[in-house]
Protein backbone atom coordinates (compact mmCIF):
# COMPACT_ATOMS: atom_id res chain seq x y z
CA MET A 1 18.98 -8.90 1.40
CA ASP A 2 18.57 -12.80 2.00
CA TYR A 3 18.28 -14.03 -1.86
CA LEU A 4 18.51 -17.78 -0.23
CA ALA A 5 15.16 -17.26 2.20
CA ALA A 6 12.13 -19.62 1.97
CA SER A 7 9.92 -16.72 0.01
CA PHE A 8 9.47 -12.84 -0.15
CA ALA A 9 7.75 -12.97 3.12
CA ASP A 10 10.84 -14.09 5.09
CA VAL A 11 12.56 -10.99 3.96
CA LEU A 12 9.93 -8.70 4.20
CA ALA A 13 9.80 -9.75 7.99
CA GLU A 14 13.58 -8.83 8.23
CA TRP A 15 12.73 -5.17 6.95
CA PRO A 16 9.83 -4.13 9.66
CA VAL A 17 8.54 -0.69 8.33
CA ALA A 18 10.22 0.71 11.56
CA ARG A 19 13.23 -0.72 10.07
CA VAL A 20 12.72 1.15 6.79
CA GLN A 21 11.43 4.07 8.62
CA ALA A 22 14.62 4.29 9.89
CA ALA A 23 16.60 3.62 6.96
CA LEU A 24 14.94 6.89 5.01
CA ALA A 25 15.50 8.94 8.20
CA ALA A 26 19.17 8.28 8.12
CA ALA A 27 19.62 8.79 4.79
CA ASP A 28 21.60 11.58 3.44
CA PRO A 29 22.10 13.75 0.54
CA GLY A 30 25.81 12.82 0.00
CA ARG A 31 24.70 9.45 -0.58
CA VAL A 32 22.27 10.04 -2.78
CA ARG A 33 24.99 11.66 -5.07
CA ARG A 34 27.24 8.68 -5.05
CA VAL A 35 24.67 5.94 -6.11
CA LEU A 36 24.31 9.00 -9.28
CA ALA A 37 28.28 8.22 -9.60
CA ASP A 38 28.19 4.40 -8.83
CA GLY A 39 24.69 2.87 -9.13
CA ALA A 40 21.90 1.50 -6.61
CA ARG A 41 23.06 -1.81 -5.15
CA THR A 42 22.30 -1.80 -1.77
CA GLU A 43 19.23 -1.15 0.37
CA ALA A 44 20.29 2.04 1.80
CA ASP A 45 20.82 3.69 -1.27
CA LEU A 46 17.24 2.66 -1.93
CA ALA A 47 16.05 4.60 1.12
CA ALA A 48 18.62 7.19 0.22
CA LEU A 49 16.40 7.62 -3.37
CA LEU A 50 13.06 7.39 -1.64
CA ALA A 51 14.18 9.98 1.48
CA PRO A 52 12.86 13.64 1.62
CA GLY A 53 16.63 14.68 0.93
CA ALA A 54 16.58 13.43 -2.13
CA ALA A 55 14.14 15.61 -3.45
CA PRO A 56 16.43 18.51 -4.43
CA GLN A 57 18.23 16.66 -6.74
CA LEU A 58 14.99 14.81 -8.31
CA GLU A 59 16.60 16.81 -11.74
CA SER A 60 19.86 14.53 -12.00
CA LEU A 61 17.74 11.60 -10.38
CA ALA A 62 15.71 11.77 -13.51
CA ARG A 63 18.33 12.11 -15.78
CA ARG A 64 20.30 9.27 -14.41
CA ALA A 65 16.90 6.97 -15.00
CA ALA A 66 16.64 8.13 -18.63
CA SER A 67 20.42 7.56 -19.26
CA LEU A 68 19.37 3.96 -17.96
CA THR A 69 16.57 3.33 -19.70
CA ARG A 70 18.07 3.89 -23.08
CA GLN A 71 20.46 1.86 -22.36
CA ARG A 72 18.64 -1.36 -21.30
CA PHE A 73 15.75 -1.28 -23.50
CA GLY A 74 16.34 1.67 -26.18
CA HIS A 75 13.95 3.89 -27.30
CA THR A 76 10.74 1.12 -27.70
CA VAL A 77 7.69 1.75 -25.60
CA GLN A 78 5.37 -1.48 -25.92
CA PHE A 79 1.39 -0.72 -25.47
CA TYR A 80 -0.93 -2.53 -23.89
CA ALA A 81 -5.20 -2.64 -23.36
CA PRO A 82 -6.81 -3.79 -20.19
CA LEU A 83 -10.01 -6.29 -21.10
CA TYR A 84 -12.07 -6.12 -17.61
CA VAL A 85 -14.18 -9.21 -17.94
CA SER A 86 -15.94 -9.34 -14.35
CA ASN A 87 -16.56 -6.74 -11.68
CA HIS A 88 -18.33 -8.96 -9.51
CA CYS A 89 -16.15 -9.25 -6.26
CA VAL A 90 -16.61 -10.69 -2.88
CA ASN A 91 -13.92 -8.70 -1.07
CA GLY A 92 -14.67 -6.09 1.23
CA CYS A 93 -11.91 -3.95 -0.11
CA LEU A 94 -12.63 -0.03 1.46
CA TYR A 95 -10.45 1.47 -1.79
CA CYS A 96 -12.05 -0.48 -5.18
CA GLY A 97 -15.07 0.56 -6.81
CA PHE A 98 -15.47 -3.33 -7.26
CA ASN A 99 -16.48 -3.64 -3.17
CA CYS A 100 -18.74 -6.34 -2.54
CA ARG A 101 -20.40 -3.89 -0.64
CA ASN A 102 -21.26 -1.28 -2.87
CA ARG A 103 -24.97 -1.46 -4.31
CA THR A 104 -24.07 -1.19 -8.25
CA ALA A 105 -24.58 -2.63 -11.27
CA ARG A 106 -22.81 -6.63 -11.59
CA ARG A 107 -21.28 -7.94 -14.79
CA ARG A 108 -19.89 -11.41 -15.87
CA LEU A 109 -18.98 -11.15 -19.50
CA THR A 110 -19.43 -14.43 -21.29
CA VAL A 111 -16.67 -16.03 -23.42
CA ALA A 112 -18.18 -14.73 -26.31
CA GLU A 113 -18.63 -11.06 -25.33
CA ALA A 114 -15.57 -11.38 -23.94
CA VAL A 115 -13.84 -12.39 -27.58
CA ARG A 116 -16.11 -9.59 -29.28
CA GLU A 117 -14.00 -7.02 -26.79
CA ALA A 118 -11.36 -8.51 -27.42
CA GLU A 119 -11.77 -8.47 -31.60
CA HIS A 120 -12.88 -4.78 -31.08
CA LEU A 121 -9.02 -3.76 -29.65
CA VAL A 122 -7.86 -5.87 -32.04
CA GLY A 123 -9.15 -4.16 -34.42
CA ARG A 124 -7.82 -0.85 -33.07
CA GLY A 125 -4.41 -2.46 -33.05
CA PHE A 126 -3.70 -3.88 -29.88
CA ARG A 127 -1.85 -6.91 -29.51
CA HIS A 128 -1.21 -7.71 -25.60
CA LEU A 129 -4.07 -7.65 -23.61
CA LEU A 130 -4.54 -7.29 -19.69
CA LEU A 131 -7.28 -9.76 -18.71
CA VAL A 132 -9.08 -7.86 -15.15
CA ALA A 133 -11.33 -9.39 -12.74
CA GLY A 134 -12.65 -8.67 -9.49
CA GLU A 135 -12.22 -11.52 -7.41
CA ASP A 136 -15.21 -14.09 -7.03
CA PRO A 137 -13.15 -17.48 -7.23
CA LYS A 138 -16.70 -19.10 -7.65
CA GLY A 139 -18.17 -16.71 -9.73
CA VAL A 140 -15.39 -16.56 -11.97
CA PRO A 141 -13.63 -19.92 -12.08
CA VAL A 142 -10.40 -20.58 -12.73
CA ASP A 143 -11.85 -22.67 -15.49
CA TYR A 144 -13.55 -19.63 -17.32
CA PHE A 145 -10.26 -17.94 -17.74
CA ALA A 146 -8.56 -20.70 -18.96
CA GLU A 147 -11.54 -21.00 -21.30
CA LEU A 148 -11.29 -17.22 -22.48
CA ALA A 149 -7.14 -17.82 -23.11
CA ARG A 150 -8.23 -20.56 -25.23
CA ALA A 151 -10.64 -18.63 -27.04
CA LEU A 152 -8.45 -15.51 -27.53
CA GLY A 153 -4.96 -17.44 -28.38
CA HIS A 154 -5.33 -16.49 -32.16
CA LEU A 155 -6.04 -13.33 -31.77
CA VAL A 156 -3.44 -11.79 -29.43
CA ALA A 157 0.58 -12.08 -29.29
CA SER A 158 0.39 -12.16 -25.35
CA LEU A 159 -2.14 -12.80 -22.68
CA SER A 160 -1.56 -11.21 -19.12
CA ILE A 161 -3.99 -11.42 -15.96
CA GLU A 162 -4.48 -9.23 -12.98
CA ILE A 163 -7.31 -11.59 -11.09
CA GLN A 164 -7.59 -13.48 -7.45
CA PRO A 165 -4.35 -15.05 -6.36
CA LEU A 166 -3.97 -18.56 -7.64
CA GLY A 167 -2.21 -22.07 -6.59
CA VAL A 168 0.61 -23.16 -8.87
CA ALA A 169 -1.47 -25.91 -10.04
CA GLU A 170 -4.78 -23.28 -11.27
CA TYR A 171 -1.90 -20.98 -12.66
CA ALA A 172 -0.09 -24.00 -14.49
CA SER A 173 -3.46 -24.82 -16.23
CA LEU A 174 -3.54 -20.77 -17.03
CA VAL A 175 -0.42 -21.32 -18.75
CA GLN A 176 -1.09 -24.12 -20.87
CA ALA A 177 -4.05 -22.22 -22.06
CA GLY A 178 -1.91 -19.62 -23.33
CA VAL A 179 -1.47 -17.16 -20.69
CA ASP A 180 2.21 -15.63 -20.50
CA SER A 181 1.92 -13.07 -17.58
CA LEU A 182 0.63 -12.26 -13.80
CA THR A 183 -0.20 -8.87 -12.52
CA ILE A 184 -0.88 -8.82 -8.92
CA TYR A 185 -0.40 -5.44 -6.66
CA GLN A 186 0.31 -6.67 -2.92
CA GLU A 187 -1.40 -3.21 -2.21
CA THR A 188 0.12 -2.34 0.72
CA TYR A 189 3.72 -3.68 2.13
CA ASP A 190 2.62 -2.11 5.72
CA PRO A 191 0.66 -5.54 7.58
CA VAL A 192 -1.06 -2.89 9.95
CA ALA A 193 -2.15 -0.95 7.13
CA TYR A 194 -3.37 -3.71 4.71
CA ALA A 195 -5.19 -5.30 7.58
CA ARG A 196 -7.51 -2.34 7.93
CA PHE A 197 -8.02 -1.60 3.95
CA HIS A 198 -9.51 -5.03 3.62
CA PRO A 199 -11.62 -5.58 6.23
CA SER A 200 -13.26 -8.68 4.69
CA GLY A 201 -13.22 -11.40 1.88
CA PRO A 202 -10.30 -13.47 1.28
CA LYS A 203 -8.32 -10.68 0.20
CA ARG A 204 -7.51 -10.11 4.36
CA ASP A 205 -4.14 -12.94 3.55
CA PHE A 206 -1.70 -10.81 3.16
CA ARG A 207 1.01 -13.45 3.10
CA TRP A 208 -0.95 -15.64 0.52
CA ARG A 209 -1.08 -12.54 -1.94
CA LEU A 210 2.54 -11.71 -1.17
CA GLU A 211 3.87 -15.39 -2.28
CA THR A 212 1.64 -14.98 -5.60
CA PRO A 213 4.55 -14.04 -7.87
CA GLU A 214 6.26 -16.85 -6.70
CA ARG A 215 3.78 -19.17 -7.15
CA GLY A 216 3.04 -17.85 -10.70
CA ALA A 217 6.53 -18.17 -11.51
CA GLN A 218 7.09 -21.79 -10.49
CA ALA A 219 4.14 -22.64 -12.70
CA GLY A 220 5.68 -21.43 -15.66
CA VAL A 221 4.49 -17.69 -16.17
CA ALA A 222 7.25 -15.80 -18.04
CA PHE A 223 6.43 -12.22 -17.01
CA LEU A 224 5.82 -11.17 -13.75
CA GLY A 225 3.95 -7.89 -12.52
CA ILE A 226 4.01 -6.23 -9.17
CA GLY A 227 3.68 -2.78 -7.60
CA ALA A 228 1.49 -0.95 -4.72
CA LEU A 229 -1.13 1.39 -4.99
CA LEU A 230 0.01 4.49 -4.10
CA GLY A 231 -2.09 6.18 -1.88
CA LEU A 232 -2.91 3.95 0.68
CA ALA A 233 0.23 3.95 3.38
CA ASP A 234 3.47 6.04 3.26
CA TRP A 235 4.78 5.97 -0.39
CA ARG A 236 8.10 5.83 0.78
CA VAL A 237 7.64 3.11 3.13
CA ASP A 238 5.61 0.97 -0.16
CA ALA A 239 7.62 2.08 -2.69
CA PHE A 240 11.08 0.91 -0.74
CA TYR A 241 8.88 -2.43 -0.37
CA VAL A 242 8.43 -2.89 -3.61
CA GLY A 243 11.90 -2.51 -4.81
CA LEU A 244 12.83 -5.19 -2.68
CA HIS A 245 10.37 -7.05 -4.00
CA ALA A 246 11.13 -6.82 -7.56
CA ARG A 247 14.83 -7.40 -7.08
CA TYR A 248 13.86 -10.34 -4.78
CA LEU A 249 11.66 -11.77 -7.92
CA GLN A 250 14.41 -11.04 -10.73
CA ARG A 251 17.32 -12.54 -8.28
CA THR A 252 15.17 -15.67 -7.28
CA CYS A 253 12.70 -15.92 -10.40
CA TRP A 254 15.70 -15.77 -12.91
CA ARG A 255 13.58 -17.12 -15.92
CA GLN A 256 10.88 -14.44 -15.19
CA HIS A 257 11.05 -10.76 -16.70
CA VAL A 258 9.90 -8.63 -14.13
CA SER A 259 7.58 -5.59 -13.69
CA VAL A 260 6.94 -2.60 -11.62
CA SER A 261 3.65 -0.32 -12.05
CA PHE A 262 2.88 3.00 -10.25
CA PRO A 263 -0.67 3.10 -9.69
CA ARG A 264 -2.42 5.51 -7.82
CA MET A 265 -5.57 6.05 -5.79
CA ARG A 266 -8.68 7.88 -8.03
CA ARG A 267 -11.69 8.06 -6.80
CA ALA A 268 -14.34 5.17 -7.25
CA ALA A 269 -17.59 4.81 -6.27
CA GLY A 270 -18.12 4.14 -2.68
CA ALA A 271 -14.13 4.25 -2.53
CA LEU A 272 -12.30 6.20 0.53
CA GLU A 273 -10.10 8.90 -0.68
CA PRO A 274 -6.54 8.22 -0.40
CA PRO A 275 -5.27 8.52 3.28
CA CYS A 276 -1.52 9.32 2.10
CA PRO A 277 -1.74 11.11 -1.17
CA VAL A 278 1.33 11.53 -3.22
CA GLY A 279 1.87 14.38 -5.78
CA ASP A 280 3.78 14.57 -9.35
CA ALA A 281 6.78 15.28 -7.87
CA GLU A 282 6.73 12.01 -5.63
CA LEU A 283 5.73 10.33 -8.07
CA VAL A 284 8.65 11.36 -10.21
CA GLN A 285 10.60 10.78 -7.47
CA ILE A 286 9.45 6.67 -6.98
CA LEU A 287 9.79 6.17 -10.95
CA CYS A 288 13.45 7.54 -10.99
CA ALA A 289 14.66 5.35 -7.34
CA LEU A 290 13.10 2.53 -8.91
CA ARG A 291 14.95 2.65 -12.28
CA LEU A 292 18.12 3.37 -10.44
CA PHE A 293 17.62 0.48 -8.07
CA LEU A 294 16.19 -1.94 -10.62
CA PRO A 295 17.35 -1.13 -13.98
CA ASP A 296 16.39 -3.85 -16.29
CA ALA A 297 12.80 -3.84 -14.80
CA GLY A 298 9.38 -2.73 -16.84
CA MET A 299 7.90 0.20 -15.77
CA VAL A 300 4.23 0.47 -16.28
CA LEU A 301 1.80 3.46 -16.68
CA SER A 302 -1.56 3.21 -16.87
CA THR A 303 -4.46 5.72 -17.42
CA ARG A 304 -5.09 6.32 -13.93
CA GLU A 305 -2.80 9.45 -14.91
CA SER A 306 -3.34 12.31 -16.88
CA ALA A 307 -2.09 12.69 -20.63
CA ALA A 308 0.23 15.23 -20.04
CA LEU A 309 2.09 13.54 -16.98
CA ARG A 310 2.64 10.20 -18.96
CA ASP A 311 4.34 12.22 -22.09
CA HIS A 312 6.16 13.64 -19.26
CA LEU A 313 6.72 10.82 -17.54
CA LEU A 314 7.53 8.13 -20.72
CA PRO A 315 11.41 9.33 -20.82
CA LEU A 316 12.28 8.37 -17.35
CA GLY A 317 11.99 5.17 -17.13
CA ILE A 318 8.21 3.81 -18.55
CA THR A 319 8.16 0.53 -20.87
CA ARG A 320 4.98 0.03 -20.99
CA LEU A 321 1.45 1.95 -21.44
CA SER A 322 -1.80 1.04 -21.71
CA ALA A 323 -4.34 3.59 -24.10
CA GLY A 324 -8.26 3.77 -24.55
CA SER A 325 -8.39 2.02 -21.16
CA ARG A 326 -12.04 1.49 -20.21
CA THR A 327 -12.75 0.27 -16.44
CA ALA A 328 -15.75 -2.19 -16.82
CA PRO A 329 -17.45 -4.76 -18.35
CA GLY A 330 -18.12 -4.53 -21.73
CA GLY A 331 -16.90 -1.07 -21.87
CA TYR A 332 -15.17 -1.28 -25.36
CA ALA A 333 -17.66 -2.87 -28.03
CA GLU A 334 -20.79 -1.89 -26.24
CA GLU A 335 -22.80 0.40 -23.40
CA THR A 336 -22.35 -0.40 -20.18
CA GLU A 337 -24.04 0.33 -17.54
CA ALA A 338 -21.65 -2.04 -15.19
CA GLU A 339 -19.69 0.11 -12.23
CA ASN A 340 -16.05 1.22 -13.45
CA GLN A 341 -13.03 0.09 -11.14
CA PHE A 342 -11.82 3.79 -10.61
CA GLU A 343 -11.51 7.02 -13.22
CA VAL A 344 -9.19 7.16 -16.10
CA GLN A 345 -7.62 9.88 -16.93
CA ASP A 346 -5.85 9.71 -20.06
CA HIS A 347 -8.85 9.26 -22.52
CA ARG A 348 -6.79 9.39 -25.81
CA SER A 349 -7.04 6.49 -28.23
CA LEU A 350 -4.11 3.53 -28.93
CA ALA A 351 -3.35 5.97 -32.03
CA GLU A 352 -2.89 9.36 -29.83
CA VAL A 353 -0.71 7.95 -27.71
CA MET A 354 0.86 5.86 -29.98
CA ALA A 355 1.82 9.79 -31.93
CA ALA A 356 2.13 11.67 -28.73
CA ALA A 357 5.40 8.86 -28.49
CA GLN A 358 6.94 8.78 -31.41
CA ALA A 359 6.82 12.84 -31.26
CA ARG A 360 9.34 12.27 -28.37
CA GLY A 361 11.43 9.78 -30.10
CA PHE A 362 10.03 6.70 -29.29
CA ASP A 363 9.27 3.78 -31.17
CA SER A 364 5.54 2.62 -30.68
CA VAL A 365 5.65 -1.54 -30.30
CA CYS A 366 1.87 -2.92 -30.69
CA LYS A 367 3.44 -7.20 -30.92
CA ASP A 368 7.06 -7.55 -30.18
CA TRP A 369 6.80 -11.46 -30.07
CA ASP A 370 4.48 -14.99 -31.68
CA PRO A 371 2.57 -17.25 -29.30
CA ALA A 372 5.47 -19.71 -30.60
CA TYR A 373 7.30 -17.76 -27.81
CA ARG A 374 4.87 -18.33 -25.22
CA THR A 375 5.44 -22.21 -25.85
CA THR A 376 9.27 -22.10 -25.92
CA THR A 377 9.16 -19.68 -22.84
CA SER A 378 6.48 -21.90 -20.79
CA ASP A 379 8.54 -25.48 -21.48
CA ARG A 380 12.25 -23.50 -20.61
CA SER A 381 10.70 -22.11 -17.47
CA THR A 382 9.19 -25.44 -16.10
CA ALA A 383 12.33 -27.39 -16.98
CA GLY A 384 13.38 -29.17 -13.97
CA ARG A 385 10.92 -27.88 -11.47
């Protein structure tokens, strides 16, 4: 992989879908055994871990993934809550409940309403919040998120965003306001499939979205989260690309901490069914393969998955969990008629998920740094840029 490329888009161009498929087809079980012994160093190693031939060795992969996670992260697991502030969206994504073509109740929280939602979550024990919104640059502009970040700064230890892709200067303004983390899903890294599932709206710009983490890093965001929406396209190919993308970011944005998520498509109002469904065993293979290829990356699992599966996957590599999630604006502190983005599968409260983690020997963390850390990290990240 060329880590001196101008952006990950250049690396992706060197790995068209046909080349990835060929690498997966060429993988053999013998390479999987060598990776288990020596570590996953190359793209061919990653392909072997994701290939069909690795499935019979899934238990060995799981043991190795669990061991690596304990070496790198100990027995701690961090908790966060998504705070949906708007379901207005100008995109026509075929898989999303916020699709602009859906005739549904729309809502954007005022700053005061969002603060009440945050206070409700803080009262439950959360100190890490993820602000989520549909993409509506005019209706929910950058200034709104900056004002909201400043209003929430005294309540939380960490504030993340999962919103429309922004430019460097816009991200810098949010970092200055108190945002320290950026999550952006490419949805699928297959350009042909991407165009098919994004027929309208600014999200059609594949490259602008692809290079979002790099712009965030340039602006001084401390934590970068990426992932693919599993079920849109061939999961082996997309998981391979997620691995390449994360390693590229680790090497080129070395001041930032990189994490990956594993969101599987869930039922949503007006949305299509998964064209390429991903089973539980396949999800385990993805998680273990990426842990072996990315031993130092954080790994995030949301309430898209059931309670039983999340408890099972936790020891294999997960470092961060959401809990008690609501996926509509105003979903915590009040009853809301706004549409959910997707159906939640794990309905347990934070206390219940923490208890389940602790029963499996994990230390639950709701706060692991103070706001002063954000200032120090931001200053260091932007120095010399």
